[in-house]
């Protein structure tokens, strides 16, 4: 009896290898930075003004996760205390949402999330595209495998 065959998955092919390699050493272009900053700022503004949705909350969680992985891999845990306070703020915000079905920030939580946003923007300005892509893949791997996840459950 033989083992069943695996499905064939061809390897990705880079048609312009030189451009791919050189492009990885570049910094993020200004247009992309503006888009990322606008998305993150809009999510924080929506939640802080009381009109936030789960999608806005997910944007902030994604920003926080990315900043944490960037800090661990590229910045030697330099900003980890700021990022931990931001993650604590997001956890409290999520618990409050489960309780009252509305996103409401306190002043301390808003300050912590603003600090996380500043750290994240500074990280994106400092790093190359290759480093950011690797960190994004690490965030996706951690989400797939449930590593360093905080499950927010309704407390009775």
Protein backbone atom coordinates (compact mmCIF):
# COMPACT_ATOMS: atom_id res chain seq x y z
CA UNK A 1 0.00 0.00 0.00
CA UNK A 2 1.41 3.38 -0.98
CA UNK A 3 1.02 6.72 0.69
CA UNK A 4 -1.39 9.16 -0.97
CA UNK A 5 0.27 11.79 -3.11
CA UNK A 6 0.45 15.36 -1.92
CA UNK A 7 -1.14 18.08 -3.95
CA UNK A 8 1.35 19.71 -6.32
CA UNK A 9 2.17 23.29 -5.32
CA UNK A 10 4.64 25.03 -7.60
CA UNK A 11 7.21 27.31 -6.00
CA UNK A 12 6.67 31.04 -6.56
CA UNK A 13 8.75 32.44 -9.37
CA UNK A 14 10.25 35.92 -9.31
CA UNK A 15 10.39 37.17 -12.88
CA UNK A 16 12.68 40.09 -12.12
CA UNK A 17 15.08 38.87 -9.46
CA UNK A 18 17.39 41.89 -9.54
CA UNK A 19 14.53 44.33 -9.01
CA UNK A 20 13.15 42.13 -6.19
CA UNK A 21 16.50 42.07 -4.36
CA UNK A 22 17.24 45.77 -4.81
CA UNK A 23 13.66 46.68 -3.90
CA UNK A 24 14.04 44.85 -0.61
CA UNK A 25 16.88 47.12 0.47
CA UNK A 26 14.81 50.27 -0.03
CA UNK A 27 12.80 52.01 2.63
CA UNK A 28 9.01 52.18 2.40
CA UNK A 29 7.89 54.77 -0.11
CA UNK A 30 6.14 57.87 1.18
CA UNK A 31 2.78 57.04 -0.40
CA UNK A 32 2.59 53.69 1.37
CA UNK A 33 3.62 55.28 4.69
CA UNK A 34 0.86 57.87 4.38
CA UNK A 35 -1.71 55.14 3.66
CA UNK A 36 -0.65 53.09 6.70
CA UNK A 37 -0.63 56.15 8.97
CA UNK A 38 -4.03 57.28 7.68
CA UNK A 39 -5.56 53.84 8.27
CA UNK A 40 -4.17 53.58 11.80
CA UNK A 41 -5.09 57.16 12.70
CA UNK A 42 -8.60 56.79 11.32
CA UNK A 43 -9.13 53.64 13.38
CA UNK A 44 -7.90 55.29 16.57
CA UNK A 45 -9.97 58.42 15.91
CA UNK A 46 -13.11 56.37 15.25
CA UNK A 47 -12.73 54.40 18.46
CA UNK A 48 -11.82 57.44 20.55
CA UNK A 49 -14.82 59.37 19.24
CA UNK A 50 -17.20 56.51 20.07
CA UNK A 51 -17.97 55.43 16.49
CA UNK A 52 -15.51 52.53 16.36
CA UNK A 53 -16.34 49.13 14.91
CA UNK A 54 -14.71 45.73 15.24
CA UNK A 55 -12.79 46.45 12.04
CA UNK A 56 -11.25 49.54 13.63
CA UNK A 57 -10.35 47.50 16.69
CA UNK A 58 -8.74 44.86 14.45
CA UNK A 59 -6.62 47.54 12.76
CA UNK A 60 -5.32 48.70 16.14
CA UNK A 61 -4.62 45.13 17.25
CA UNK A 62 -2.75 44.46 14.00
CA UNK A 63 -0.70 47.62 14.45
CA UNK A 64 0.15 46.59 18.01
CA UNK A 65 1.11 43.05 16.97
CA UNK A 66 3.32 44.32 14.17
CA UNK A 67 5.02 46.84 16.45
CA UNK A 68 5.68 44.12 19.03
CA UNK A 69 7.28 41.74 16.52
CA UNK A 70 9.33 44.58 15.02
CA UNK A 71 10.53 45.46 18.51
CA UNK A 72 11.47 41.86 19.32
CA UNK A 73 13.32 41.19 16.08
CA UNK A 74 14.83 44.54 15.13
CA UNK A 75 14.99 46.88 18.13
CA UNK A 76 16.23 44.66 21.00
CA UNK A 77 13.16 45.07 23.21
CA UNK A 78 13.85 48.81 23.51
CA UNK A 79 10.19 49.89 23.41
CA UNK A 80 8.63 46.79 24.92
CA UNK A 81 7.24 48.55 28.02
CA UNK A 82 5.33 51.03 25.83
CA UNK A 83 3.99 48.21 23.67
CA UNK A 84 2.91 46.16 26.67
CA UNK A 85 0.94 49.08 28.07
CA UNK A 86 -0.70 49.48 24.65
CA UNK A 87 -1.63 45.82 24.53
CA UNK A 88 -3.06 46.05 28.04
CA UNK A 89 -5.12 49.03 26.89
CA UNK A 90 -6.44 47.05 23.91
CA UNK A 91 -7.30 44.13 26.18
CA UNK A 92 -9.26 46.38 28.55
CA UNK A 93 -10.98 48.02 25.57
CA UNK A 94 -12.00 44.60 24.23
CA UNK A 95 -13.36 43.48 27.60
CA UNK A 96 -15.33 46.70 27.91
CA UNK A 97 -16.75 46.16 24.42
CA UNK A 98 -17.95 42.68 25.37
CA UNK A 99 -19.65 44.13 28.43
CA UNK A 100 -21.36 47.24 26.98
CA UNK A 101 -21.17 46.55 23.20
CA UNK A 102 -19.45 49.86 22.50
CA UNK A 103 -15.82 50.87 22.23
CA UNK A 104 -15.07 53.45 24.94
CA UNK A 105 -11.51 54.55 25.73
CA UNK A 106 -10.22 55.99 28.98
CA UNK A 107 -7.59 58.70 28.97
CA UNK A 108 -4.78 56.34 29.98
CA UNK A 109 -5.72 53.87 27.27
CA UNK A 110 -5.82 56.60 24.63
CA UNK A 111 -2.38 57.83 25.71
CA UNK A 112 -0.99 54.28 25.59
CA UNK A 113 -2.41 53.68 22.09
CA UNK A 114 -1.02 57.01 20.86
CA UNK A 115 2.41 55.96 22.15
CA UNK A 116 2.13 52.61 20.37
CA UNK A 117 1.21 54.40 17.15
CA UNK A 118 4.24 56.71 17.45
CA UNK A 119 6.57 53.75 18.05
CA UNK A 120 5.09 51.85 15.10
CA UNK A 121 5.49 54.81 12.73
CA UNK A 122 9.10 55.35 13.84
CA UNK A 123 9.81 51.65 13.28
CA UNK A 124 8.40 51.76 9.76
CA UNK A 125 10.51 54.81 8.91
CA UNK A 126 13.68 53.15 10.22
CA UNK A 127 13.43 49.73 8.57
CA UNK A 128 13.80 48.33 5.07
CA UNK A 129 11.01 46.65 3.14
CA UNK A 130 12.63 43.20 3.59
CA UNK A 131 12.67 43.55 7.38
CA UNK A 132 9.04 44.65 7.47
CA UNK A 133 7.97 41.76 5.22
CA UNK A 134 9.75 39.23 7.43
CA UNK A 135 8.10 40.64 10.53
CA UNK A 136 4.70 40.56 8.82
CA UNK A 137 5.23 36.87 8.01
CA UNK A 138 6.16 36.25 11.66
CA UNK A 139 2.94 37.98 12.81
CA UNK A 140 0.93 35.77 10.46
CA UNK A 141 2.74 32.65 11.73
CA UNK A 142 2.01 33.57 15.34
CA UNK A 143 -1.66 34.13 14.55
CA UNK A 144 -1.91 30.78 12.75
CA UNK A 145 -0.33 28.88 15.62
CA UNK A 146 -1.87 30.88 18.48
CA UNK A 147 1.46 32.09 19.86
CA UNK A 148 1.34 35.04 22.31
CA UNK A 149 -2.38 35.49 21.88
CA UNK A 150 -4.59 36.96 24.56
CA UNK A 151 -8.13 35.65 24.33
CA UNK A 152 -10.61 38.26 25.52
CA UNK A 153 -13.49 36.53 27.25
CA UNK A 154 -16.54 37.98 28.86
CA UNK A 155 -16.04 38.08 32.62
CA UNK A 156 -19.11 37.31 34.68
